[in-house]
Structure formats: C-alpha cells, structure tokens
Amino acid sequence: MKKSHNTLIIVLLVVLIVVAGTAIVLQYNQNKSVAAARDELQSEVYTLRGELQAALATPTPTPTPVATPAPTPKPTATLKATATPKVTPTP
C-alpha cells in the first residue's frame, strides 16, 4: 500500500510540473507578443509625433479674403405693351 501512495504522489508531482511549465511557457509567449505590439505602437507614435511637429513647424499661409463685387443682374427679357385693353362700361 505504501508503494502505491508513493507512485500516486510522483504522478501528481509530474502532472503539477507539466501544468506549471505549460502555464509559464504560455505566459512567456503572451508577454513576448504584448511587448512586440507595444514596440510597434511606440514606433508609430514616434512617427506620428514627428509628422505632427513638422506640420506645426511649417506655417500654413492663411488666404486673405478678397472682396468680390456682387454680379449685376442682366435683363433676360423686356416686356412690351402691344395693345391697351378696351374697357367697356357696364350699363
């Protein structure tokens, strides 16, 4: 009976070591991918910061408003009186 207890303890220890090792490897891989993503984002931030500073350093010319005269309306057609209406008095 003592031998089976020792075997059970050894098997449980091996399972515990395998599970712990797997957890450590998974955590390490996750940390690596997070670090890679962080480095990529940090690089992008530095690039955008440089572009923003360059854009702010060069003054953009502001257009001066030019007063344009209002267009004068052109007559399209002229009305001509052809005949005067005849009004007959009503009795």
N, C-alpha and C. Protein backbone atom coordinates (compact mmCIF):
# COMPACT_ATOMS: atom_id res chain seq x y z
N MET A 1 0.82 -1.19 0.00
CA MET A 1 0.00 0.00 0.00
C MET A 1 0.87 1.25 0.00
N LYS A 2 1.98 1.20 0.64
CA LYS A 2 2.87 2.34 0.71
C LYS A 2 3.45 2.65 -0.67
N LYS A 3 3.72 1.61 -1.47
CA LYS A 3 4.29 1.80 -2.79
C LYS A 3 3.29 2.52 -3.71
N SER A 4 2.01 2.21 -3.60
CA SER A 4 1.02 2.86 -4.45
C SER A 4 0.85 4.33 -4.07
N HIS A 5 1.01 4.64 -2.78
CA HIS A 5 0.94 6.05 -2.36
C HIS A 5 2.11 6.83 -2.93
N ASN A 6 3.29 6.23 -2.91
CA ASN A 6 4.47 6.90 -3.46
C ASN A 6 4.31 7.12 -4.97
N THR A 7 3.77 6.13 -5.66
CA THR A 7 3.56 6.25 -7.11
C THR A 7 2.53 7.35 -7.40
N LEU A 8 1.48 7.39 -6.64
CA LEU A 8 0.45 8.42 -6.82
C LEU A 8 1.02 9.81 -6.59
N ILE A 9 1.83 9.95 -5.58
CA ILE A 9 2.45 11.25 -5.28
C ILE A 9 3.38 11.66 -6.41
N ILE A 10 4.15 10.71 -6.93
CA ILE A 10 5.08 11.02 -8.03
C ILE A 10 4.29 11.43 -9.28
N VAL A 11 3.22 10.72 -9.59
CA VAL A 11 2.40 11.06 -10.75
C VAL A 11 1.78 12.44 -10.59
N LEU A 12 1.28 12.74 -9.42
CA LEU A 12 0.69 14.07 -9.18
C LEU A 12 1.74 15.17 -9.29
N LEU A 13 2.95 14.91 -8.81
CA LEU A 13 4.02 15.90 -8.92
C LEU A 13 4.40 16.13 -10.38
N VAL A 14 4.46 15.05 -11.16
CA VAL A 14 4.79 15.19 -12.58
C VAL A 14 3.70 16.00 -13.30
N VAL A 15 2.43 15.71 -13.00
CA VAL A 15 1.33 16.46 -13.61
C VAL A 15 1.41 17.92 -13.21
N LEU A 16 1.69 18.18 -11.95
CA LEU A 16 1.81 19.56 -11.47
C LEU A 16 2.95 20.28 -12.17
N ILE A 17 4.08 19.62 -12.36
CA ILE A 17 5.23 20.24 -13.03
C ILE A 17 4.89 20.53 -14.50
N VAL A 18 4.21 19.60 -15.16
CA VAL A 18 3.84 19.81 -16.56
C VAL A 18 2.86 20.97 -16.70
N VAL A 19 1.87 21.04 -15.83
CA VAL A 19 0.89 22.13 -15.88
C VAL A 19 1.56 23.46 -15.59
N ALA A 20 2.42 23.49 -14.59
CA ALA A 20 3.12 24.74 -14.26
C ALA A 20 4.04 25.17 -15.40
N GLY A 21 4.73 24.21 -16.00
CA GLY A 21 5.62 24.54 -17.12
C GLY A 21 4.83 25.08 -18.31
N THR A 22 3.70 24.47 -18.59
CA THR A 22 2.85 24.94 -19.69
C THR A 22 2.36 26.36 -19.41
N ALA A 23 1.95 26.62 -18.18
CA ALA A 23 1.48 27.97 -17.83
C ALA A 23 2.60 28.99 -17.97
N ILE A 24 3.80 28.61 -17.58
CA ILE A 24 4.94 29.53 -17.69
C ILE A 24 5.25 29.82 -19.16
N VAL A 25 5.23 28.79 -20.00
CA VAL A 25 5.52 28.98 -21.42
C VAL A 25 4.44 29.85 -22.07
N LEU A 26 3.18 29.61 -21.75
CA LEU A 26 2.10 30.42 -22.32
C LEU A 26 2.21 31.87 -21.89
N GLN A 27 2.53 32.10 -20.63
CA GLN A 27 2.68 33.47 -20.13
C GLN A 27 3.86 34.16 -20.81
N TYR A 28 4.95 33.43 -21.02
CA TYR A 28 6.12 34.00 -21.68
C TYR A 28 5.79 34.40 -23.11
N ASN A 29 5.08 33.52 -23.83
CA ASN A 29 4.70 33.83 -25.21
C ASN A 29 3.76 35.02 -25.28
N GLN A 30 2.84 35.11 -24.33
CA GLN A 30 1.92 36.24 -24.31
C GLN A 30 2.69 37.53 -24.03
N ASN A 31 3.63 37.47 -23.11
CA ASN A 31 4.43 38.66 -22.80
C ASN A 31 5.24 39.09 -24.02
N LYS A 32 5.76 38.11 -24.77
CA LYS A 32 6.52 38.44 -25.97
C LYS A 32 5.64 39.13 -27.00
N SER A 33 4.44 38.62 -27.21
CA SER A 33 3.56 39.23 -28.21
C SER A 33 3.09 40.61 -27.77
N VAL A 34 2.85 40.78 -26.48
CA VAL A 34 2.46 42.09 -25.96
C VAL A 34 3.61 43.08 -26.12
N ALA A 35 4.83 42.62 -25.86
CA ALA A 35 5.98 43.50 -26.00
C ALA A 35 6.19 43.90 -27.46
N ALA A 36 5.97 42.96 -28.37
CA ALA A 36 6.12 43.28 -29.79
C ALA A 36 5.07 44.29 -30.23
N ALA A 37 3.84 44.11 -29.78
CA ALA A 37 2.78 45.06 -30.12
C ALA A 37 3.06 46.42 -29.52
N ARG A 38 3.57 46.45 -28.30
CA ARG A 38 3.90 47.72 -27.66
C ARG A 38 5.00 48.44 -28.43
N ASP A 39 6.03 47.70 -28.85
CA ASP A 39 7.11 48.32 -29.61
C ASP A 39 6.62 48.87 -30.94
N GLU A 40 5.72 48.14 -31.58
CA GLU A 40 5.18 48.60 -32.85
C GLU A 40 4.36 49.87 -32.66
N LEU A 41 3.53 49.90 -31.63
CA LEU A 41 2.73 51.10 -31.37
C LEU A 41 3.60 52.28 -30.97
N GLN A 42 4.64 52.00 -30.20
CA GLN A 42 5.53 53.08 -29.78
C GLN A 42 6.25 53.68 -31.00
N SER A 43 6.64 52.83 -31.93
CA SER A 43 7.27 53.30 -33.15
C SER A 43 6.30 54.17 -33.95
N GLU A 44 5.05 53.73 -34.02
CA GLU A 44 4.04 54.50 -34.75
C GLU A 44 3.80 55.85 -34.07
N VAL A 45 3.80 55.87 -32.75
CA VAL A 45 3.60 57.13 -32.02
C VAL A 45 4.75 58.09 -32.30
N TYR A 46 5.99 57.58 -32.31
CA TYR A 46 7.13 58.45 -32.60
C TYR A 46 7.05 59.01 -34.02
N THR A 47 6.62 58.17 -34.96
CA THR A 47 6.49 58.63 -36.34
C THR A 47 5.43 59.72 -36.44
N LEU A 48 4.27 59.48 -35.83
CA LEU A 48 3.20 60.48 -35.89
C LEU A 48 3.59 61.75 -35.16
N ARG A 49 4.32 61.62 -34.06
CA ARG A 49 4.75 62.81 -33.33
C ARG A 49 5.68 63.65 -34.19
N GLY A 50 6.59 62.99 -34.90
CA GLY A 50 7.50 63.72 -35.79
C GLY A 50 6.75 64.41 -36.91
N GLU A 51 5.77 63.72 -37.49
CA GLU A 51 4.98 64.33 -38.55
C GLU A 51 4.18 65.52 -38.03
N LEU A 52 3.65 65.39 -36.83
CA LEU A 52 2.88 66.49 -36.26
C LEU A 52 3.76 67.69 -35.97
N GLN A 53 4.95 67.45 -35.42
CA GLN A 53 5.86 68.56 -35.15
C GLN A 53 6.29 69.24 -36.44
N ALA A 54 6.52 68.45 -37.49
CA ALA A 54 6.90 69.04 -38.77
C ALA A 54 5.75 69.86 -39.35
N ALA A 55 4.54 69.36 -39.19
CA ALA A 55 3.39 70.09 -39.71
C ALA A 55 3.16 71.38 -38.94
N LEU A 56 3.40 71.35 -37.64
CA LEU A 56 3.21 72.56 -36.84
C LEU A 56 4.34 73.55 -37.04
N ALA A 57 5.51 73.09 -37.43
CA ALA A 57 6.66 73.97 -37.60
C ALA A 57 6.53 74.80 -38.87
N THR A 58 5.94 74.24 -39.91
CA THR A 58 5.78 74.99 -41.16
C THR A 58 4.46 75.74 -41.12
N PRO A 59 4.53 77.06 -41.15
CA PRO A 59 3.28 77.82 -41.08
C PRO A 59 2.50 77.67 -42.39
N THR A 60 1.27 77.47 -42.26
CA THR A 60 0.42 77.39 -43.46
C THR A 60 -0.10 78.79 -43.76
N PRO A 61 0.02 79.20 -45.00
CA PRO A 61 -0.46 80.54 -45.34
C PRO A 61 -1.98 80.60 -45.25
N THR A 62 -2.41 81.65 -44.58
CA THR A 62 -3.86 81.82 -44.47
C THR A 62 -4.32 82.67 -45.64
N PRO A 63 -5.30 82.24 -46.35
CA PRO A 63 -5.74 83.03 -47.50
C PRO A 63 -6.40 84.32 -47.04
N THR A 64 -6.04 85.41 -47.73
CA THR A 64 -6.65 86.69 -47.40
C THR A 64 -7.96 86.80 -48.17
N PRO A 65 -9.00 87.18 -47.49
CA PRO A 65 -10.29 87.27 -48.19
C PRO A 65 -10.28 88.41 -49.19
N VAL A 66 -10.73 88.13 -50.37
CA VAL A 66 -10.80 89.13 -51.43
C VAL A 66 -12.26 89.50 -51.62
N ALA A 67 -12.51 90.81 -51.57
CA ALA A 67 -13.89 91.27 -51.73
C ALA A 67 -14.24 91.24 -53.21
N THR A 68 -15.18 90.43 -53.56
CA THR A 68 -15.62 90.36 -54.95
C THR A 68 -16.94 91.11 -55.07
N PRO A 69 -17.05 91.93 -56.10
CA PRO A 69 -18.31 92.67 -56.26
C PRO A 69 -19.44 91.71 -56.62
N ALA A 70 -20.61 92.08 -56.18
CA ALA A 70 -21.77 91.25 -56.48
C ALA A 70 -22.08 91.36 -57.96
N PRO A 71 -22.42 90.27 -58.59
CA PRO A 71 -22.70 90.34 -60.03
C PRO A 71 -23.97 91.13 -60.30
N THR A 72 -23.90 91.93 -61.34
CA THR A 72 -25.07 92.73 -61.70
C THR A 72 -26.01 91.85 -62.51
N PRO A 73 -27.27 91.85 -62.16
CA PRO A 73 -28.21 91.01 -62.90
C PRO A 73 -28.44 91.57 -64.30
N LYS A 74 -28.44 90.70 -65.28
CA LYS A 74 -28.68 91.10 -66.66
C LYS A 74 -30.15 90.87 -66.98
N PRO A 75 -30.75 91.81 -67.66
CA PRO A 75 -32.16 91.59 -68.01
C PRO A 75 -32.26 90.46 -69.02
N THR A 76 -33.21 89.61 -68.79
CA THR A 76 -33.37 88.47 -69.69
C THR A 76 -34.38 88.75 -70.78
N ALA A 77 -35.41 89.48 -70.47
CA ALA A 77 -36.41 89.79 -71.49
C ALA A 77 -37.08 91.10 -71.11
N THR A 78 -37.48 91.84 -72.11
CA THR A 78 -38.19 93.09 -71.85
C THR A 78 -39.65 92.90 -72.24
N LEU A 79 -40.51 93.45 -71.45
CA LEU A 79 -41.95 93.36 -71.73
C LEU A 79 -42.37 94.58 -72.53
N LYS A 80 -43.08 94.34 -73.61
CA LYS A 80 -43.58 95.44 -74.44
C LYS A 80 -45.10 95.39 -74.44
N ALA A 81 -45.67 96.55 -74.28
CA ALA A 81 -47.13 96.62 -74.33
C ALA A 81 -47.55 96.65 -75.79
N THR A 82 -48.30 95.67 -76.19
CA THR A 82 -48.72 95.60 -77.60
C THR A 82 -50.05 96.30 -77.84
N ALA A 83 -50.95 96.18 -76.92
CA ALA A 83 -52.25 96.83 -77.10
C ALA A 83 -52.79 97.18 -75.73
N THR A 84 -53.54 98.26 -75.71
CA THR A 84 -54.16 98.63 -74.45
C THR A 84 -55.51 97.95 -74.37
N PRO A 85 -55.86 97.41 -73.28
CA PRO A 85 -57.15 96.72 -73.18
C PRO A 85 -58.30 97.72 -73.24
N LYS A 86 -59.33 97.34 -73.93
CA LYS A 86 -60.51 98.20 -74.03
C LYS A 86 -61.47 97.82 -72.93
N VAL A 87 -61.87 98.82 -72.21
CA VAL A 87 -62.81 98.59 -71.12
C VAL A 87 -64.15 99.16 -71.54
N THR A 88 -65.15 98.35 -71.56
CA THR A 88 -66.49 98.83 -71.91
C THR A 88 -67.27 99.02 -70.64
N PRO A 89 -67.93 100.16 -70.52
CA PRO A 89 -68.69 100.38 -69.30
C PRO A 89 -69.91 99.48 -69.26
N THR A 90 -70.21 99.02 -68.15
CA THR A 90 -71.38 98.15 -67.99
C THR A 90 -72.58 99.01 -67.64
N PRO A 91 -73.74 98.76 -68.31
CA PRO A 91 -74.91 99.61 -68.03
C PRO A 91 -75.53 99.34 -66.69
